[in-house]
Protein backbone atom coordinates (compact mmCIF):
# COMPACT_ATOMS: atom_id res chain seq x y z
CA MET A 1 -97.47 -59.03 -17.78
CA THR A 2 -96.69 -58.25 -14.13
CA LEU A 3 -98.49 -55.66 -12.10
CA ALA A 4 -95.38 -53.31 -12.29
CA GLU A 5 -95.29 -53.50 -16.05
CA ASP A 6 -98.95 -52.76 -16.24
CA GLU A 7 -98.47 -49.84 -13.88
CA TRP A 8 -95.53 -48.59 -15.98
CA GLY A 9 -97.72 -48.53 -19.03
CA ARG A 10 -100.39 -46.59 -17.12
CA LEU A 11 -97.67 -44.12 -15.84
CA MET A 12 -96.33 -43.74 -19.37
CA ARG A 13 -99.81 -42.99 -20.72
CA ALA A 14 -100.32 -40.35 -17.92
CA ALA A 15 -96.93 -38.93 -18.74
CA GLN A 16 -97.85 -38.65 -22.43
CA ASP A 17 -100.88 -36.70 -21.37
CA GLY A 18 -98.66 -34.19 -19.43
CA ASN A 19 -98.69 -35.66 -15.90
CA GLY A 20 -95.18 -34.75 -14.66
CA GLY A 21 -95.67 -36.60 -11.32
CA ALA A 22 -96.48 -39.83 -13.15
CA TYR A 23 -93.45 -39.35 -15.40
CA ARG A 24 -91.11 -38.82 -12.37
CA ARG A 25 -92.50 -41.97 -10.70
CA LEU A 26 -92.09 -43.95 -13.90
CA LEU A 27 -88.53 -42.89 -14.35
CA ALA A 28 -87.67 -43.72 -10.69
CA GLU A 29 -89.15 -47.16 -10.99
CA ILE A 30 -87.62 -48.10 -14.25
CA THR A 31 -84.27 -46.82 -13.03
CA ILE A 32 -84.34 -49.66 -10.44
CA TRP A 33 -85.21 -52.19 -13.06
CA LEU A 34 -82.54 -50.85 -15.49
CA ARG A 35 -79.83 -51.02 -12.82
CA ARG A 36 -80.61 -54.62 -12.15
CA TYR A 37 -80.80 -55.35 -15.93
CA PHE A 38 -77.30 -53.80 -16.66
CA THR A 39 -75.66 -55.11 -13.39
CA ARG A 40 -76.20 -58.65 -14.77
CA ARG A 41 -74.85 -57.80 -18.19
CA LEU A 42 -72.04 -55.24 -17.82
CA PRO A 43 -69.08 -54.51 -15.63
CA LEU A 44 -70.07 -52.37 -12.61
CA ILE A 45 -68.00 -49.40 -13.83
CA VAL A 46 -70.32 -48.80 -16.82
CA VAL A 47 -73.67 -49.62 -15.24
CA ASP A 48 -74.60 -46.05 -14.26
CA ASP A 49 -73.62 -44.82 -17.77
CA ALA A 50 -75.90 -47.44 -19.32
CA VAL A 51 -78.79 -46.62 -17.00
CA GLN A 52 -78.36 -42.87 -17.77
CA GLU A 53 -78.13 -43.47 -21.51
CA THR A 54 -81.29 -45.62 -21.41
CA LEU A 55 -83.17 -43.09 -19.38
CA MET A 56 -82.27 -40.32 -21.87
CA ALA A 57 -83.36 -42.56 -24.81
CA VAL A 58 -86.65 -43.24 -23.03
CA HIS A 59 -87.12 -39.53 -22.61
CA ARG A 60 -86.20 -38.71 -26.21
CA ASN A 61 -88.49 -41.43 -27.62
CA ARG A 62 -91.35 -41.30 -25.15
CA HIS A 63 -93.66 -39.98 -27.91
CA THR A 64 -93.10 -43.33 -29.78
CA TYR A 65 -94.64 -45.45 -27.09
CA ASN A 66 -97.98 -46.76 -28.21
CA PRO A 67 -100.42 -47.01 -25.16
CA ASP A 68 -102.24 -49.90 -26.88
CA HIS A 69 -99.07 -52.13 -26.40
CA PRO A 70 -97.32 -53.27 -23.35
CA PHE A 71 -94.67 -51.04 -21.91
CA SER A 72 -92.01 -53.53 -20.95
CA PRO A 73 -91.15 -54.75 -24.50
CA TRP A 74 -90.79 -51.11 -25.57
CA LEU A 75 -88.47 -50.42 -22.64
CA GLY A 76 -86.58 -53.70 -23.08
CA ALA A 77 -85.91 -52.97 -26.76
CA ILE A 78 -84.35 -49.55 -25.75
CA ALA A 79 -82.38 -51.17 -22.95
CA LYS A 80 -81.09 -53.86 -25.30
CA ARG A 81 -79.88 -51.28 -27.77
CA LYS A 82 -78.10 -49.34 -25.04
CA TRP A 83 -76.56 -52.56 -23.74
CA VAL A 84 -75.12 -53.32 -27.17
CA ASP A 85 -73.80 -49.74 -27.39
CA GLN A 86 -72.00 -50.12 -24.10
CA LEU A 87 -70.52 -53.44 -25.21
CA ARG A 88 -69.16 -51.76 -28.35
CA THR A 89 -67.74 -48.98 -26.21
CA LEU A 90 -66.12 -51.51 -23.88
CA LYS A 91 -64.57 -53.32 -26.86
CA ARG A 92 -62.85 -50.05 -27.91
CA ARG A 93 -61.48 -49.24 -24.46
CA SER A 94 -57.97 -50.24 -23.49
CA THR A 95 -57.72 -53.65 -21.91
CA ASP A 96 -54.50 -52.88 -20.11
CA GLU A 97 -54.72 -53.77 -16.48
CA LEU A 98 -53.63 -51.23 -13.95
CA THR A 99 -51.02 -52.60 -11.60
CA ASP A 100 -50.82 -51.98 -7.86
CA THR A 101 -47.66 -50.09 -8.35
CA ILE A 102 -46.92 -47.22 -10.66
CA ALA A 103 -43.46 -47.00 -12.18
CA THR A 104 -41.80 -43.73 -11.42
CA PRO A 105 -38.49 -42.60 -12.85
CA ASP A 106 -35.53 -42.37 -10.62
CA HIS A 107 -34.69 -38.72 -10.05
CA GLU A 108 -31.55 -39.28 -8.02
CA SER A 109 -29.24 -38.21 -10.75
CA SER A 110 -31.33 -35.07 -11.52
CA VAL A 111 -31.36 -34.16 -7.89
CA THR A 112 -27.65 -34.76 -7.59
CA SER A 113 -26.92 -32.67 -10.72
CA ALA A 114 -29.10 -29.81 -9.49
CA SER A 115 -27.33 -29.85 -6.07
CA VAL A 116 -23.90 -29.87 -7.76
CA LEU A 117 -24.89 -27.08 -10.16
CA SER A 118 -26.34 -24.98 -7.32
CA SER A 119 -23.08 -25.27 -5.24
CA LEU A 120 -20.91 -24.51 -8.31
CA MET A 121 -23.12 -21.41 -9.19
CA ASN A 122 -22.58 -20.22 -5.55
CA GLU A 123 -18.81 -19.93 -6.41
CA LEU A 124 -19.45 -17.39 -9.10
CA ARG A 125 -19.79 -13.73 -8.78
CA PRO A 126 -23.50 -12.81 -8.42
CA ALA A 127 -23.60 -10.95 -11.74
CA GLN A 128 -22.18 -13.97 -13.56
CA ALA A 129 -24.40 -16.52 -11.82
CA ARG A 130 -27.53 -14.41 -12.57
CA VAL A 131 -26.95 -14.00 -16.28
CA ILE A 132 -25.89 -17.71 -16.74
CA ASP A 133 -29.10 -18.67 -14.94
CA LEU A 134 -31.21 -16.41 -17.12
CA VAL A 135 -29.51 -17.25 -20.49
CA LYS A 136 -28.28 -20.74 -20.17
CA LEU A 137 -30.71 -22.28 -17.70
CA GLN A 138 -33.95 -20.45 -18.24
CA GLY A 139 -33.48 -19.83 -21.97
CA CYS A 140 -33.74 -16.06 -22.01
CA THR A 141 -32.08 -14.05 -24.76
CA ILE A 142 -29.01 -11.92 -24.11
CA GLU A 143 -31.13 -8.87 -24.58
CA ASP A 144 -33.77 -10.03 -22.06
CA ALA A 145 -31.03 -10.86 -19.58
CA SER A 146 -29.58 -7.39 -20.17
CA ARG A 147 -33.02 -5.71 -19.42
CA GLU A 148 -33.62 -8.06 -16.35
CA THR A 149 -30.17 -7.37 -14.76
CA GLY A 150 -29.53 -3.82 -15.89
CA GLN A 151 -26.18 -4.89 -17.44
CA SER A 152 -25.29 -3.89 -20.91
CA VAL A 153 -25.51 -6.54 -23.69
CA SER A 154 -21.70 -6.70 -23.87
CA ALA A 155 -21.41 -7.07 -20.06
CA VAL A 156 -23.94 -9.93 -20.17
CA LYS A 157 -21.85 -11.74 -22.83
CA VAL A 158 -18.61 -11.14 -20.88
CA ASN A 159 -20.16 -12.30 -17.57
CA ILE A 160 -21.48 -15.43 -19.28
CA HIS A 161 -18.04 -16.25 -20.90
CA ARG A 162 -16.10 -15.62 -17.68
CA GLY A 163 -18.70 -17.45 -15.54
CA ILE A 164 -18.62 -20.56 -17.70
CA ALA A 165 -14.82 -20.51 -17.82
CA ARG A 166 -14.88 -20.34 -14.00
CA LEU A 167 -17.42 -23.15 -13.76
CA ALA A 168 -15.21 -25.33 -16.05
CA ALA A 169 -12.14 -24.56 -13.85
CA LEU A 170 -14.13 -25.59 -10.66
CA VAL A 171 -15.28 -28.79 -12.26
CA MET A 172 -11.75 -29.73 -13.32
CA ARG A 173 -10.47 -29.13 -9.74
CA THR A 174 -13.28 -31.15 -8.15
CA ASN A 175 -12.84 -35.00 -8.28
CA ASN A 176 -16.32 -35.98 -7.06
CA VAL A 177 -18.40 -33.99 -9.51
CA GLU A 178 -20.42 -36.22 -11.84
């Protein structure tokens, strides 16, 4: 048994007797040991989690420590269980590697379509463009478009019908529209 392990046992006995300072010192010292222990056994990304889980287990189970026995085997048993828990967690995690590049969809056709639609909508009367935008592009009901624009329900329907007919005629005349 090393001097540190003997000291840890003394600190744990003092902590069990209510000495908060001894308990804080014990936790600080075993944190250093736990970090080294898990760094040799686990990927670095989970070392802090393993240390924290072990410290919480020590705290929850501190009443089970028998001062007549060495402290380090008691701590080692808890650390080993938390190490196994971390290994199980790692096994369940996705093993897909992240690449340096992230695939992003090509938005060129969407941008082009939006640009063409915008220029076509500018060719309509404002009342037609507004109700087509509300009903056909934003998904509003005819009644909602009527309330929003102040047009009657029948005027909204007529403006949509005439506006779409005008858009179709514009598309037919334009050669470069996709």
